[in-house]
């Protein structure tokens, strides 16, 4: 944000919000970039071979143990499901779409456009 403010010649004294600054530059917010990359990575891991360490970590569940009683932190898979809902991608059929890379890219791009719009 600091670099964008410098490019647009805004100082800290000019009261310009980050959202206004992002609209002027046409750049997506950091949250949008993170969601986009997280969902793309989710598709990549889904297409990996069975037995891959990353895929086992994504789909694996602990056999024993419990989480804290207060609100636990989101796990990566839960954050991805939240992102899929934000992008209007069906959480029941996303794995079938992710199996085909070109279909997955189209769905992610369309969902990102709907999310930004």
N, C-alpha and C. Protein backbone atom coordinates (compact mmCIF):
# COMPACT_ATOMS: atom_id res chain seq x y z
N UNK A 1 0.83 -1.19 0.00
CA UNK A 1 0.00 0.00 0.00
C UNK A 1 0.88 1.26 0.00
N UNK A 2 2.01 1.16 0.68
CA UNK A 2 2.90 2.31 0.74
C UNK A 2 3.41 2.66 -0.66
N UNK A 3 3.76 1.64 -1.43
CA UNK A 3 4.26 1.90 -2.78
C UNK A 3 3.16 2.48 -3.67
N UNK A 4 1.95 2.00 -3.52
CA UNK A 4 0.85 2.54 -4.31
C UNK A 4 0.58 3.99 -3.94
N UNK A 5 0.67 4.30 -2.67
CA UNK A 5 0.50 5.70 -2.25
C UNK A 5 1.60 6.58 -2.84
N UNK A 6 2.81 6.06 -2.87
CA UNK A 6 3.93 6.82 -3.43
C UNK A 6 3.75 7.04 -4.93
N UNK A 7 3.30 6.03 -5.64
CA UNK A 7 3.08 6.15 -7.09
C UNK A 7 2.00 7.19 -7.39
N UNK A 8 0.94 7.19 -6.60
CA UNK A 8 -0.16 8.14 -6.81
C UNK A 8 0.09 9.49 -6.15
N UNK A 9 1.26 9.65 -5.54
CA UNK A 9 1.67 10.90 -4.91
C UNK A 9 0.70 11.31 -3.79
N UNK A 10 0.34 10.33 -2.97
CA UNK A 10 -0.48 10.59 -1.78
C UNK A 10 0.42 10.49 -0.57
N UNK A 11 0.29 11.46 0.33
CA UNK A 11 1.05 11.40 1.56
C UNK A 11 0.13 10.90 2.68
N UNK A 12 0.68 10.68 3.84
CA UNK A 12 -0.12 10.20 4.96
C UNK A 12 -1.09 11.27 5.43
N UNK A 13 -0.82 12.52 5.08
CA UNK A 13 -1.71 13.62 5.48
C UNK A 13 -2.99 13.63 4.63
N UNK A 14 -2.89 13.14 3.40
CA UNK A 14 -4.08 13.04 2.56
C UNK A 14 -4.90 11.87 3.07
N UNK A 15 -6.12 12.15 3.47
CA UNK A 15 -6.95 11.07 4.00
C UNK A 15 -7.54 10.28 2.84
N UNK A 16 -6.82 9.25 2.44
CA UNK A 16 -7.28 8.37 1.36
C UNK A 16 -7.30 6.95 1.93
N UNK A 17 -8.46 6.33 1.92
CA UNK A 17 -8.57 4.98 2.47
C UNK A 17 -7.90 3.97 1.55
N UNK A 18 -7.60 2.82 2.11
CA UNK A 18 -6.98 1.76 1.31
C UNK A 18 -7.90 1.29 0.19
N UNK A 19 -9.20 1.21 0.46
CA UNK A 19 -10.15 0.79 -0.57
C UNK A 19 -10.19 1.77 -1.73
N UNK A 20 -10.17 3.05 -1.42
CA UNK A 20 -10.14 4.07 -2.48
C UNK A 20 -8.86 3.96 -3.29
N UNK A 21 -7.77 3.74 -2.60
CA UNK A 21 -6.48 3.60 -3.27
C UNK A 21 -6.47 2.38 -4.20
N UNK A 22 -7.04 1.27 -3.74
CA UNK A 22 -7.10 0.07 -4.58
C UNK A 22 -8.00 0.28 -5.79
N UNK A 23 -9.08 1.02 -5.63
CA UNK A 23 -9.96 1.33 -6.77
C UNK A 23 -9.23 2.18 -7.80
N UNK A 24 -8.46 3.15 -7.34
CA UNK A 24 -7.74 4.03 -8.27
C UNK A 24 -6.67 3.27 -9.05
N UNK A 25 -5.99 2.34 -8.39
CA UNK A 25 -4.93 1.61 -9.07
C UNK A 25 -5.46 0.40 -9.84
N UNK A 26 -6.66 -0.05 -9.48
CA UNK A 26 -7.21 -1.23 -10.14
C UNK A 26 -6.59 -2.53 -9.66
N UNK A 27 -5.90 -2.48 -8.55
CA UNK A 27 -5.24 -3.66 -8.01
C UNK A 27 -6.19 -4.39 -7.05
N UNK A 28 -6.13 -5.72 -7.02
CA UNK A 28 -6.97 -6.45 -6.06
C UNK A 28 -6.41 -6.31 -4.64
N UNK A 29 -7.26 -6.51 -3.67
CA UNK A 29 -6.82 -6.42 -2.29
C UNK A 29 -5.97 -7.63 -1.94
N UNK A 30 -5.25 -7.55 -0.84
CA UNK A 30 -4.40 -8.65 -0.42
C UNK A 30 -5.23 -9.87 -0.04
N UNK A 31 -6.42 -9.64 0.52
CA UNK A 31 -7.30 -10.75 0.87
C UNK A 31 -7.73 -11.51 -0.38
N UNK A 32 -8.01 -10.77 -1.45
CA UNK A 32 -8.42 -11.40 -2.70
C UNK A 32 -7.27 -12.22 -3.28
N UNK A 33 -6.07 -11.68 -3.23
CA UNK A 33 -4.92 -12.41 -3.74
C UNK A 33 -4.67 -13.69 -2.94
N UNK A 34 -4.80 -13.61 -1.63
CA UNK A 34 -4.59 -14.79 -0.79
C UNK A 34 -5.65 -15.86 -1.05
N UNK A 35 -6.91 -15.45 -1.18
CA UNK A 35 -7.97 -16.42 -1.46
C UNK A 35 -7.75 -17.08 -2.81
N UNK A 36 -7.37 -16.29 -3.81
CA UNK A 36 -7.13 -16.82 -5.15
C UNK A 36 -6.01 -17.84 -5.14
N UNK A 37 -4.93 -17.52 -4.49
CA UNK A 37 -3.79 -18.44 -4.45
C UNK A 37 -4.08 -19.69 -3.62
N UNK A 38 -4.84 -19.51 -2.55
CA UNK A 38 -5.17 -20.65 -1.71
C UNK A 38 -6.07 -21.64 -2.47
N UNK A 39 -7.03 -21.14 -3.22
CA UNK A 39 -7.93 -22.01 -3.97
C UNK A 39 -7.19 -22.66 -5.15
N UNK A 40 -6.31 -21.92 -5.79
CA UNK A 40 -5.52 -22.53 -6.86
C UNK A 40 -4.63 -23.64 -6.32
N UNK A 41 -4.01 -23.42 -5.16
CA UNK A 41 -3.16 -24.43 -4.54
C UNK A 41 -3.98 -25.64 -4.14
N UNK A 42 -5.21 -25.42 -3.69
CA UNK A 42 -6.10 -26.52 -3.33
C UNK A 42 -6.36 -27.42 -4.54
N UNK A 43 -6.58 -26.83 -5.70
CA UNK A 43 -6.76 -27.61 -6.92
C UNK A 43 -5.51 -28.38 -7.29
N UNK A 44 -4.37 -27.75 -7.11
CA UNK A 44 -3.09 -28.39 -7.42
C UNK A 44 -2.87 -29.62 -6.54
N UNK A 45 -3.12 -29.48 -5.25
CA UNK A 45 -2.93 -30.59 -4.31
C UNK A 45 -3.93 -31.71 -4.60
N UNK A 46 -5.13 -31.35 -4.99
CA UNK A 46 -6.15 -32.35 -5.30
C UNK A 46 -5.74 -33.21 -6.49
N UNK A 47 -5.05 -32.62 -7.46
CA UNK A 47 -4.62 -33.36 -8.64
C UNK A 47 -3.37 -34.20 -8.41
N UNK A 48 -2.74 -34.07 -7.25
CA UNK A 48 -1.53 -34.86 -6.96
C UNK A 48 -1.88 -36.34 -6.84
N UNK A 49 -0.84 -37.17 -6.94
CA UNK A 49 -1.03 -38.61 -6.79
C UNK A 49 -1.45 -38.95 -5.36
N UNK A 50 -2.20 -40.03 -5.23
CA UNK A 50 -2.55 -40.51 -3.89
C UNK A 50 -1.26 -40.97 -3.21
N UNK A 51 -1.15 -40.70 -1.94
CA UNK A 51 0.06 -41.05 -1.21
C UNK A 51 1.04 -39.90 -1.11
N UNK A 52 0.77 -38.80 -1.80
CA UNK A 52 1.62 -37.62 -1.69
C UNK A 52 1.47 -37.04 -0.29
N UNK A 53 2.57 -36.55 0.26
CA UNK A 53 2.55 -36.04 1.63
C UNK A 53 1.57 -34.87 1.75
N UNK A 54 1.59 -33.96 0.80
CA UNK A 54 0.69 -32.81 0.87
C UNK A 54 -0.77 -33.23 0.80
N UNK A 55 -1.07 -34.17 -0.08
CA UNK A 55 -2.45 -34.64 -0.21
C UNK A 55 -2.88 -35.38 1.05
N UNK A 56 -1.99 -36.17 1.62
CA UNK A 56 -2.32 -36.86 2.86
C UNK A 56 -2.57 -35.88 4.00
N UNK A 57 -1.81 -34.80 4.05
CA UNK A 57 -2.01 -33.78 5.08
C UNK A 57 -3.33 -33.05 4.89
N UNK A 58 -3.70 -32.79 3.64
CA UNK A 58 -4.94 -32.08 3.36
C UNK A 58 -6.16 -32.92 3.74
N UNK A 59 -6.14 -34.19 3.37
CA UNK A 59 -7.30 -35.04 3.59
C UNK A 59 -7.23 -35.84 4.88
N UNK A 60 -6.10 -35.81 5.56
CA UNK A 60 -5.94 -36.61 6.76
C UNK A 60 -6.65 -36.03 7.96
N UNK A 61 -7.02 -36.89 8.86
CA UNK A 61 -7.63 -36.51 10.13
C UNK A 61 -6.86 -37.20 11.25
N UNK A 62 -6.78 -36.56 12.37
CA UNK A 62 -6.10 -37.16 13.51
C UNK A 62 -6.96 -38.26 14.11
N UNK A 63 -6.31 -39.37 14.49
CA UNK A 63 -7.05 -40.48 15.08
C UNK A 63 -7.41 -40.19 16.53
N UNK A 64 -6.58 -39.45 17.21
CA UNK A 64 -6.86 -39.13 18.60
C UNK A 64 -6.44 -37.69 18.88
N UNK A 65 -6.85 -37.20 20.02
CA UNK A 65 -6.53 -35.83 20.38
C UNK A 65 -7.75 -34.95 20.23
N UNK A 66 -7.69 -33.77 20.82
CA UNK A 66 -8.81 -32.86 20.70
C UNK A 66 -8.30 -31.44 20.61
N UNK A 67 -9.16 -30.60 20.10
CA UNK A 67 -8.82 -29.20 19.92
C UNK A 67 -9.24 -28.40 21.15
N UNK A 68 -8.74 -27.20 21.31
CA UNK A 68 -9.10 -26.39 22.48
C UNK A 68 -10.61 -26.14 22.56
N UNK A 69 -11.10 -25.87 23.77
CA UNK A 69 -12.54 -25.68 23.97
C UNK A 69 -13.01 -24.32 23.44
N UNK A 70 -12.18 -23.30 23.52
CA UNK A 70 -12.58 -22.02 22.97
C UNK A 70 -12.55 -22.09 21.45
N UNK A 71 -12.81 -21.01 20.78
CA UNK A 71 -12.85 -21.03 19.33
C UNK A 71 -11.48 -21.40 18.77
N UNK A 72 -11.37 -22.58 18.15
CA UNK A 72 -10.07 -22.99 17.62
C UNK A 72 -9.74 -22.24 16.33
N UNK A 73 -8.47 -22.19 16.04
CA UNK A 73 -8.03 -21.56 14.80
C UNK A 73 -8.48 -22.40 13.62
N UNK A 74 -8.73 -21.72 12.50
CA UNK A 74 -9.13 -22.43 11.30
C UNK A 74 -7.98 -23.26 10.76
N UNK A 75 -8.30 -24.46 10.33
CA UNK A 75 -7.31 -25.27 9.65
C UNK A 75 -7.32 -24.85 8.18
N UNK A 76 -6.28 -25.26 7.45
CA UNK A 76 -6.14 -24.86 6.05
C UNK A 76 -7.35 -25.30 5.24
N UNK A 77 -7.82 -26.51 5.46
CA UNK A 77 -8.96 -27.03 4.71
C UNK A 77 -10.22 -26.22 4.98
N UNK A 78 -10.43 -25.82 6.23
CA UNK A 78 -11.59 -25.00 6.57
C UNK A 78 -11.51 -23.62 5.95
N UNK A 79 -10.31 -23.05 5.90
CA UNK A 79 -10.13 -21.76 5.24
C UNK A 79 -10.41 -21.87 3.75
N UNK A 80 -10.00 -22.98 3.14
CA UNK A 80 -10.26 -23.20 1.72
C UNK A 80 -11.75 -23.36 1.44
N UNK A 81 -12.46 -24.06 2.32
CA UNK A 81 -13.90 -24.21 2.16
C UNK A 81 -14.60 -22.86 2.26
N UNK A 82 -14.13 -22.03 3.17
CA UNK A 82 -14.67 -20.67 3.29
C UNK A 82 -14.42 -19.89 2.00
N UNK A 83 -13.23 -20.02 1.42
CA UNK A 83 -12.91 -19.34 0.17
C UNK A 83 -13.76 -19.84 -0.98
N UNK A 84 -14.00 -21.15 -1.02
CA UNK A 84 -14.85 -21.71 -2.07
C UNK A 84 -16.26 -21.15 -1.98
N UNK A 85 -16.78 -21.02 -0.76
CA UNK A 85 -18.11 -20.43 -0.59
C UNK A 85 -18.13 -18.97 -1.02
N UNK A 86 -17.06 -18.24 -0.71
CA UNK A 86 -16.97 -16.84 -1.11
C UNK A 86 -16.98 -16.69 -2.63
N UNK A 87 -16.38 -17.65 -3.33
CA UNK A 87 -16.28 -17.60 -4.78
C UNK A 87 -17.44 -18.31 -5.48
N UNK A 88 -18.45 -18.71 -4.71
CA UNK A 88 -19.64 -19.40 -5.25
C UNK A 88 -19.28 -20.68 -5.99
N UNK A 89 -18.31 -21.42 -5.49
CA UNK A 89 -17.96 -22.73 -6.03
C UNK A 89 -18.58 -23.76 -5.10
N UNK A 90 -19.31 -24.71 -5.68
CA UNK A 90 -20.02 -25.70 -4.89
C UNK A 90 -19.03 -26.56 -4.11
N UNK A 91 -19.21 -26.62 -2.79
CA UNK A 91 -18.25 -27.35 -1.95
C UNK A 91 -18.44 -28.86 -2.04
N UNK A 92 -19.53 -29.31 -2.64
CA UNK A 92 -19.75 -30.75 -2.78
C UNK A 92 -19.15 -31.31 -4.08
N UNK A 93 -18.95 -30.45 -5.08
CA UNK A 93 -18.46 -30.93 -6.39
C UNK A 93 -17.14 -30.29 -6.80
N UNK A 94 -16.48 -29.59 -5.90
CA UNK A 94 -15.26 -28.89 -6.29
C UNK A 94 -14.13 -29.85 -6.65
N UNK A 95 -14.09 -31.01 -6.04
CA UNK A 95 -13.01 -31.96 -6.31
C UNK A 95 -13.08 -32.49 -7.74
N UNK A 96 -14.29 -32.71 -8.24
CA UNK A 96 -14.45 -33.18 -9.62
C UNK A 96 -14.00 -32.09 -10.60
N UNK A 97 -14.30 -30.84 -10.28
CA UNK A 97 -13.87 -29.74 -11.14
C UNK A 97 -12.36 -29.55 -11.06
N UNK A 98 -11.78 -29.75 -9.88
CA UNK A 98 -10.34 -29.55 -9.70
C UNK A 98 -9.53 -30.64 -10.40
N UNK A 99 -10.16 -31.78 -10.69
CA UNK A 99 -9.44 -32.86 -11.37
C UNK A 99 -9.02 -32.44 -12.77
N UNK A 100 -9.80 -31.58 -13.41
CA UNK A 100 -9.45 -31.06 -14.74
C UNK A 100 -8.92 -29.64 -14.56
N UNK A 101 -7.67 -29.43 -14.88
CA UNK A 101 -7.01 -28.15 -14.60
C UNK A 101 -7.66 -26.98 -15.31
N UNK A 102 -8.02 -27.15 -16.58
CA UNK A 102 -8.60 -26.03 -17.33
C UNK A 102 -9.98 -25.66 -16.79
N UNK A 103 -10.78 -26.65 -16.42
CA UNK A 103 -12.09 -26.37 -15.83
C UNK A 103 -11.93 -25.66 -14.49
N UNK A 104 -10.96 -26.12 -13.70
CA UNK A 104 -10.72 -25.52 -12.39
C UNK A 104 -10.29 -24.06 -12.52
N UNK A 105 -9.40 -23.79 -13.47
CA UNK A 105 -8.95 -22.41 -13.67
C UNK A 105 -10.11 -21.50 -14.06
N UNK A 106 -10.99 -22.00 -14.94
CA UNK A 106 -12.15 -21.21 -15.34
C UNK A 106 -13.08 -20.93 -14.16
N UNK A 107 -13.32 -21.96 -13.34
CA UNK A 107 -14.19 -21.78 -12.17
C UNK A 107 -13.59 -20.79 -11.19
N UNK A 108 -12.29 -20.90 -10.97
CA UNK A 108 -11.63 -19.99 -10.02
C UNK A 108 -11.66 -18.56 -10.55
N UNK A 109 -11.38 -18.37 -11.82
CA UNK A 109 -11.41 -17.03 -12.40
C UNK A 109 -12.81 -16.42 -12.33
N UNK A 110 -13.81 -17.23 -12.67
CA UNK A 110 -15.20 -16.74 -12.62
C UNK A 110 -15.59 -16.41 -11.19
N UNK A 111 -15.22 -17.27 -10.25
CA UNK A 111 -15.52 -17.00 -8.85
C UNK A 111 -14.81 -15.78 -8.32
N UNK A 112 -13.59 -15.57 -8.77
CA UNK A 112 -12.83 -14.39 -8.35
C UNK A 112 -13.48 -13.12 -8.88
N UNK A 113 -13.95 -13.15 -10.11
CA UNK A 113 -14.63 -11.98 -10.68
C UNK A 113 -15.91 -11.66 -9.93
N UNK A 114 -16.66 -12.71 -9.56
CA UNK A 114 -17.88 -12.49 -8.79
C UNK A 114 -17.56 -11.96 -7.40
N UNK A 115 -16.48 -12.46 -6.82
CA UNK A 115 -16.08 -12.03 -5.48
C UNK A 115 -15.67 -10.57 -5.49
N UNK A 116 -14.91 -10.15 -6.49
CA UNK A 116 -14.45 -8.76 -6.57
C UNK A 116 -15.57 -7.81 -6.95
N UNK A 117 -16.48 -8.29 -7.82
CA UNK A 117 -17.55 -7.44 -8.34
C UNK A 117 -18.60 -7.18 -7.36
